[in-house]
Amino acid sequence: MTKIKVKINAPAPSLETIHQFQDFEGFLQQYRKYYSTAGIRDMLYNDRKKLVYIVIIILFLMLLLFVEDIAKNESKDGSKAPVEQTK
């Protein structure tokens, strides 16, 4: 089991350290990148490999759905006897 060290009455960080991590513009830029539609679009277009995988998966799923529907229709059509129309 790991031992956890807890510092009681730990000293506060210096003002320089605090100001170093106060980057509101950088925070907003990352937020826009990950949570806006334009940012998500940019991430997908910049990472071509991920975009290609997503497209291939979507095409494969569509193919499975349509082949299953076509197979059902062919089995229904092939099992029925021809029907004559009379007036």
N, C-alpha and C. Protein backbone atom coordinates (compact mmCIF):
# COMPACT_ATOMS: atom_id res chain seq x y z
N MET A 1 0.84 -1.17 0.00
CA MET A 1 0.00 0.00 0.00
C MET A 1 0.89 1.24 0.00
N THR A 2 0.50 2.26 -0.73
CA THR A 2 1.33 3.46 -0.82
C THR A 2 1.11 4.34 0.39
N LYS A 3 2.17 5.01 0.75
CA LYS A 3 2.10 5.94 1.88
C LYS A 3 1.82 7.34 1.33
N ILE A 4 0.90 8.00 1.96
CA ILE A 4 0.54 9.36 1.54
C ILE A 4 1.11 10.33 2.56
N LYS A 5 1.84 11.31 2.07
CA LYS A 5 2.40 12.31 2.96
C LYS A 5 1.48 13.53 2.96
N VAL A 6 1.08 13.93 4.12
CA VAL A 6 0.22 15.09 4.29
C VAL A 6 1.01 16.16 5.02
N LYS A 7 1.07 17.34 4.41
CA LYS A 7 1.78 18.44 5.04
C LYS A 7 0.77 19.30 5.78
N ILE A 8 0.91 19.34 7.07
CA ILE A 8 0.06 20.20 7.88
C ILE A 8 0.78 21.53 8.04
N ASN A 9 0.03 22.60 7.86
CA ASN A 9 0.58 23.96 7.91
C ASN A 9 1.66 24.16 6.85
N ALA A 10 1.37 23.75 5.62
CA ALA A 10 2.32 23.90 4.52
C ALA A 10 2.44 25.38 4.17
N PRO A 11 3.63 25.82 3.78
CA PRO A 11 3.79 27.24 3.44
C PRO A 11 3.04 27.58 2.14
N ALA A 12 2.51 28.79 2.07
CA ALA A 12 1.78 29.24 0.89
C ALA A 12 2.79 29.51 -0.23
N PRO A 13 2.40 29.29 -1.49
CA PRO A 13 3.33 29.57 -2.59
C PRO A 13 3.57 31.07 -2.72
N SER A 14 4.70 31.41 -3.32
CA SER A 14 5.05 32.82 -3.47
C SER A 14 4.15 33.48 -4.51
N LEU A 15 4.12 34.80 -4.53
CA LEU A 15 3.29 35.53 -5.49
C LEU A 15 3.76 35.29 -6.92
N GLU A 16 5.05 35.11 -7.12
CA GLU A 16 5.56 34.83 -8.47
C GLU A 16 5.00 33.51 -8.99
N THR A 17 4.95 32.51 -8.14
CA THR A 17 4.40 31.21 -8.54
C THR A 17 2.92 31.33 -8.85
N ILE A 18 2.20 32.09 -8.04
CA ILE A 18 0.77 32.28 -8.28
C ILE A 18 0.53 33.00 -9.59
N HIS A 19 1.26 34.06 -9.86
CA HIS A 19 1.09 34.83 -11.10
C HIS A 19 1.52 34.04 -12.33
N GLN A 20 2.43 33.11 -12.15
CA GLN A 20 2.88 32.28 -13.26
C GLN A 20 1.75 31.41 -13.78
N PHE A 21 0.87 30.95 -12.92
CA PHE A 21 -0.21 30.07 -13.33
C PHE A 21 -1.52 30.81 -13.60
N GLN A 22 -1.56 32.11 -13.43
CA GLN A 22 -2.77 32.89 -13.71
C GLN A 22 -2.71 33.35 -15.17
N ASP A 23 -3.15 32.50 -16.07
CA ASP A 23 -3.16 32.80 -17.49
C ASP A 23 -4.59 32.63 -18.01
N PHE A 24 -5.40 33.67 -17.86
CA PHE A 24 -6.80 33.59 -18.23
C PHE A 24 -6.97 33.47 -19.75
N GLU A 25 -6.14 34.16 -20.51
CA GLU A 25 -6.24 34.08 -21.98
C GLU A 25 -5.92 32.67 -22.48
N GLY A 26 -4.92 32.05 -21.89
CA GLY A 26 -4.60 30.67 -22.27
C GLY A 26 -5.71 29.70 -21.91
N PHE A 27 -6.35 29.95 -20.74
CA PHE A 27 -7.47 29.12 -20.33
C PHE A 27 -8.63 29.26 -21.30
N LEU A 28 -8.96 30.50 -21.69
CA LEU A 28 -10.04 30.72 -22.65
C LEU A 28 -9.73 30.11 -24.01
N GLN A 29 -8.50 30.18 -24.42
CA GLN A 29 -8.11 29.61 -25.71
C GLN A 29 -8.30 28.09 -25.69
N GLN A 30 -7.90 27.44 -24.62
CA GLN A 30 -8.09 25.98 -24.52
C GLN A 30 -9.58 25.64 -24.43
N TYR A 31 -10.36 26.46 -23.73
CA TYR A 31 -11.79 26.21 -23.62
C TYR A 31 -12.45 26.30 -24.99
N ARG A 32 -12.11 27.33 -25.74
CA ARG A 32 -12.68 27.49 -27.09
C ARG A 32 -12.25 26.34 -28.00
N LYS A 33 -11.04 25.86 -27.81
CA LYS A 33 -10.53 24.78 -28.65
C LYS A 33 -11.29 23.49 -28.43
N TYR A 34 -11.60 23.18 -27.17
CA TYR A 34 -12.21 21.89 -26.87
C TYR A 34 -13.73 21.91 -26.81
N TYR A 35 -14.35 23.08 -26.64
CA TYR A 35 -15.79 23.09 -26.40
C TYR A 35 -16.60 23.91 -27.40
N SER A 36 -15.99 24.48 -28.40
CA SER A 36 -16.76 25.17 -29.43
C SER A 36 -16.75 24.31 -30.70
N THR A 37 -17.75 24.50 -31.55
CA THR A 37 -17.83 23.69 -32.76
C THR A 37 -16.66 23.98 -33.70
N ALA A 38 -16.23 25.23 -33.76
CA ALA A 38 -15.10 25.56 -34.62
C ALA A 38 -13.83 24.90 -34.11
N GLY A 39 -13.65 24.85 -32.80
CA GLY A 39 -12.46 24.22 -32.23
C GLY A 39 -12.45 22.73 -32.46
N ILE A 40 -13.61 22.10 -32.31
CA ILE A 40 -13.70 20.65 -32.55
C ILE A 40 -13.43 20.35 -34.02
N ARG A 41 -13.98 21.18 -34.90
CA ARG A 41 -13.75 21.00 -36.34
C ARG A 41 -12.27 21.14 -36.66
N ASP A 42 -11.61 22.14 -36.06
CA ASP A 42 -10.17 22.32 -36.30
C ASP A 42 -9.38 21.12 -35.81
N MET A 43 -9.75 20.57 -34.65
CA MET A 43 -9.02 19.41 -34.14
C MET A 43 -9.17 18.22 -35.08
N LEU A 44 -10.38 18.00 -35.63
CA LEU A 44 -10.57 16.87 -36.53
C LEU A 44 -9.84 17.08 -37.85
N TYR A 45 -9.86 18.29 -38.37
CA TYR A 45 -9.19 18.54 -39.65
C TYR A 45 -7.67 18.49 -39.50
N ASN A 46 -7.16 18.90 -38.36
CA ASN A 46 -5.71 18.86 -38.16
C ASN A 46 -5.21 17.45 -37.91
N ASP A 47 -6.03 16.61 -37.34
CA ASP A 47 -5.65 15.23 -37.08
C ASP A 47 -6.34 14.35 -38.13
N ARG A 48 -5.74 14.25 -39.29
CA ARG A 48 -6.34 13.53 -40.42
C ARG A 48 -6.56 12.05 -40.13
N LYS A 49 -5.67 11.46 -39.37
CA LYS A 49 -5.78 10.03 -39.09
C LYS A 49 -7.07 9.73 -38.32
N LYS A 50 -7.36 10.54 -37.32
CA LYS A 50 -8.58 10.35 -36.53
C LYS A 50 -9.82 10.57 -37.40
N LEU A 51 -9.78 11.57 -38.27
CA LEU A 51 -10.90 11.87 -39.14
C LEU A 51 -11.16 10.71 -40.11
N VAL A 52 -10.10 10.12 -40.64
CA VAL A 52 -10.25 8.99 -41.57
C VAL A 52 -10.84 7.79 -40.84
N TYR A 53 -10.41 7.52 -39.61
CA TYR A 53 -10.99 6.42 -38.83
C TYR A 53 -12.47 6.62 -38.59
N ILE A 54 -12.87 7.84 -38.25
CA ILE A 54 -14.29 8.12 -38.00
C ILE A 54 -15.11 7.90 -39.27
N VAL A 55 -14.62 8.37 -40.40
CA VAL A 55 -15.33 8.20 -41.67
C VAL A 55 -15.45 6.72 -42.03
N ILE A 56 -14.38 5.96 -41.86
CA ILE A 56 -14.41 4.53 -42.18
C ILE A 56 -15.40 3.80 -41.29
N ILE A 57 -15.44 4.12 -40.02
CA ILE A 57 -16.38 3.48 -39.10
C ILE A 57 -17.82 3.80 -39.49
N ILE A 58 -18.09 5.05 -39.84
CA ILE A 58 -19.45 5.44 -40.25
C ILE A 58 -19.85 4.72 -41.52
N LEU A 59 -18.96 4.66 -42.49
CA LEU A 59 -19.27 3.95 -43.74
C LEU A 59 -19.51 2.46 -43.49
N PHE A 60 -18.72 1.86 -42.63
CA PHE A 60 -18.88 0.45 -42.31
C PHE A 60 -20.24 0.18 -41.65
N LEU A 61 -20.62 1.04 -40.72
CA LEU A 61 -21.93 0.88 -40.06
C LEU A 61 -23.08 1.06 -41.04
N MET A 62 -22.96 2.01 -41.94
CA MET A 62 -24.01 2.21 -42.95
C MET A 62 -24.09 1.00 -43.87
N LEU A 63 -22.95 0.46 -44.24
CA LEU A 63 -22.92 -0.72 -45.09
C LEU A 63 -23.60 -1.90 -44.41
N LEU A 64 -23.32 -2.10 -43.13
CA LEU A 64 -23.97 -3.18 -42.39
C LEU A 64 -25.48 -3.01 -42.35
N LEU A 65 -25.95 -1.80 -42.15
CA LEU A 65 -27.38 -1.56 -42.08
C LEU A 65 -28.06 -1.82 -43.42
N PHE A 66 -27.47 -1.32 -44.51
CA PHE A 66 -28.09 -1.48 -45.81
C PHE A 66 -28.02 -2.91 -46.32
N VAL A 67 -26.94 -3.62 -46.08
CA VAL A 67 -26.82 -5.01 -46.52
C VAL A 67 -27.84 -5.86 -45.78
N GLU A 68 -28.05 -5.59 -44.52
CA GLU A 68 -29.03 -6.34 -43.75
C GLU A 68 -30.44 -6.10 -44.30
N ASP A 69 -30.76 -4.86 -44.65
CA ASP A 69 -32.08 -4.56 -45.22
C ASP A 69 -32.26 -5.22 -46.58
N ILE A 70 -31.23 -5.20 -47.41
CA ILE A 70 -31.32 -5.80 -48.73
C ILE A 70 -31.48 -7.32 -48.61
N ALA A 71 -30.76 -7.93 -47.68
CA ALA A 71 -30.88 -9.38 -47.49
C ALA A 71 -32.27 -9.76 -47.02
N LYS A 72 -32.87 -8.96 -46.17
CA LYS A 72 -34.23 -9.24 -45.71
C LYS A 72 -35.22 -9.13 -46.85
N ASN A 73 -35.07 -8.11 -47.69
CA ASN A 73 -35.99 -7.92 -48.82
C ASN A 73 -35.86 -9.05 -49.84
N GLU A 74 -34.63 -9.51 -50.11
CA GLU A 74 -34.44 -10.59 -51.06
C GLU A 74 -35.02 -11.89 -50.53
N SER A 75 -34.90 -12.15 -49.25
CA SER A 75 -35.44 -13.40 -48.71
C SER A 75 -36.96 -13.36 -48.73
N LYS A 76 -37.55 -12.21 -48.51
CA LYS A 76 -39.01 -12.10 -48.59
C LYS A 76 -39.49 -12.28 -50.02
N ASP A 77 -38.80 -11.68 -50.98
CA ASP A 77 -39.21 -11.78 -52.38
C ASP A 77 -39.01 -13.19 -52.93
N GLY A 78 -37.95 -13.84 -52.54
CA GLY A 78 -37.64 -15.18 -53.07
C GLY A 78 -38.54 -16.26 -52.51
N SER A 79 -39.07 -16.10 -51.33
CA SER A 79 -39.86 -17.15 -50.70
C SER A 79 -41.33 -17.11 -51.13
N LYS A 80 -41.78 -16.01 -51.66
CA LYS A 80 -43.19 -15.89 -52.06
C LYS A 80 -43.40 -16.49 -53.44
N ALA A 81 -44.57 -17.04 -53.60
CA ALA A 81 -44.96 -17.58 -54.91
C ALA A 81 -45.43 -16.43 -55.79
N PRO A 82 -45.27 -16.57 -57.10
CA PRO A 82 -45.74 -15.49 -57.98
C PRO A 82 -47.25 -15.30 -57.87
N VAL A 83 -47.66 -14.06 -57.91
CA VAL A 83 -49.07 -13.73 -57.74
C VAL A 83 -49.62 -13.26 -59.07
N GLU A 84 -50.78 -13.84 -59.47
CA GLU A 84 -51.42 -13.42 -60.71
C GLU A 84 -52.51 -12.40 -60.39
N GLN A 85 -52.58 -11.39 -61.22
CA GLN A 85 -53.61 -10.38 -61.01
C GLN A 85 -54.80 -10.70 -61.91
N THR A 86 -55.97 -10.70 -61.30
CA THR A 86 -57.21 -10.94 -62.06
C THR A 86 -58.14 -9.75 -61.89
N LYS A 87 -58.92 -9.51 -62.93
CA LYS A 87 -59.87 -8.39 -62.86
C LYS A 87 -61.27 -8.86 -62.77
